[in-house]
Amino acid sequence: MRNPLRKLFCLVLLGGASAAYADEPATSMFNFSGFGTLGVAHSSNKDADFVNNVFEAHGAGQSASLAAGVDSKLGLQLTATPSEQITGVVQAIAQQKWNGTYAPALEWANVAWQATPDFDVRVGRVVWPMFVRSESVNVGYSNFSIRASGELAAEMPNTHNDGVDATYKFRTGSLAHALTAFGGHSKVHYGDYFPNTTLDVTHIAGLSDMVDIGAVTVHLAAMHMQYVYTAPGVAPFPVKLPIYSLGAVYDSDTWYMLGDAQLALDPYYGRMESFSLLGGYHLGKFSPYLGYSQFKQATFGPGVPAPLQTTTQSDTILGVRWDVQTSVDVKLQLDSIRTGDVAGSFPISLVFPNNGQQYASFLTHPKANVISVVVDFVF
């Protein structure tokens, strides 16, 4: 599995389509590619919906015993390379949205200028570079598990940024760096569980560094932003927020490991700490894996009316990946989620339909066991 993962990771990087085929004769200035996931999920808790992210309209649990919209998606990418220095990328993804539709939405739409072999600038809609797997998080086939950790991205679950980034590649001894400075803004709509609710992030400024150390890639990032949370009955006001993250990935012909940690110092909600760890082993076409992630509200700000009884949510996962062929895999995954009133104060992966009418019932058994099956493919 290692080689397909690395090839696809290069493909989904901006400009990666041309980079992945740099050693092949150019036949056209346009390159078309795509990816998708077909899946179904079931949750044991009928008082809440299990969702991939809080932007989905419906999930598994109360809304449906079996939900296909949790993980299913289709992505198409067009890369144009009019010259050796200029690359344009448009990537659209059809997946369940906040309003219940599957209308395609632009995830990437940018133009890159390769000023030198070691320096490039991208302008437009680019990736939100806060985790080691941010560039490929939407491509199920390139990921070890079915989905990214909800606990890890709970504080700021955005995936793209409208603005600019600049990357400079250099070496310090045996270390290869890809240092990126970025800025811009990002606005997202929450799902039907939060009607007429948006998160508008502006004044984004940050740095990230991807460091290759042999078979290990380490990622460090720091970002400062200002956000406005708009919801019925809530007076919108700007909040300045710094976020810091650290991650690493290792993938050999036998073992593989992935880890991320994030710290968000939110003056309104409080200090948020989260991390995710996953590891597995390659056994021919099969790759079993085990993971654990946790979100913790370490301190409370004025946005939390009363101290929480349960300040953490955790998710323990057990799964297996079967590489059916070079471009297709099948994954089976079990999630064991343990939470409490933190799920109501700060929704992560369990949300409540019908304006939270089942919330009191949920708190008597604040947990969920989820089983998911997906087929990932690329073309």
Foldseek 3Di string as FASTA:
>chain_A
DVVLLVLVLLCLAQVSVCVSCVVPDDDAQKDKKKKWKWKKKAKPAQQWFFALWQFAAGHHHVVHRIDRQRQTKIKMKMWGHPDPFKIWMWMWMQGGGQERGRDIDTQDTWMKGCPDVFKMKIAFKAWPPAFPCLSCQSFCVSDDARHDALQQCQVPVDTIFHGMKMWGWDDDVQKIKTKMWTFGWDKGDGHPLFPPKMKTKHGKTKMKMWIDDDQKIKIWMKIWIWIWIDGPPDDTDIWIKIKIKIWMWGDDQFKIKIKMWMWIATQAAGIKTKMKIKMWTDDDQKIKMKMKIKIFRPDGHNLDVDDDPWGMKMKIKTKMWGPPDSFKIKMKMKIKIATACVCVSRNGRIGGPPNSPSVVVCRVPVIMIMIMMMMMGMD
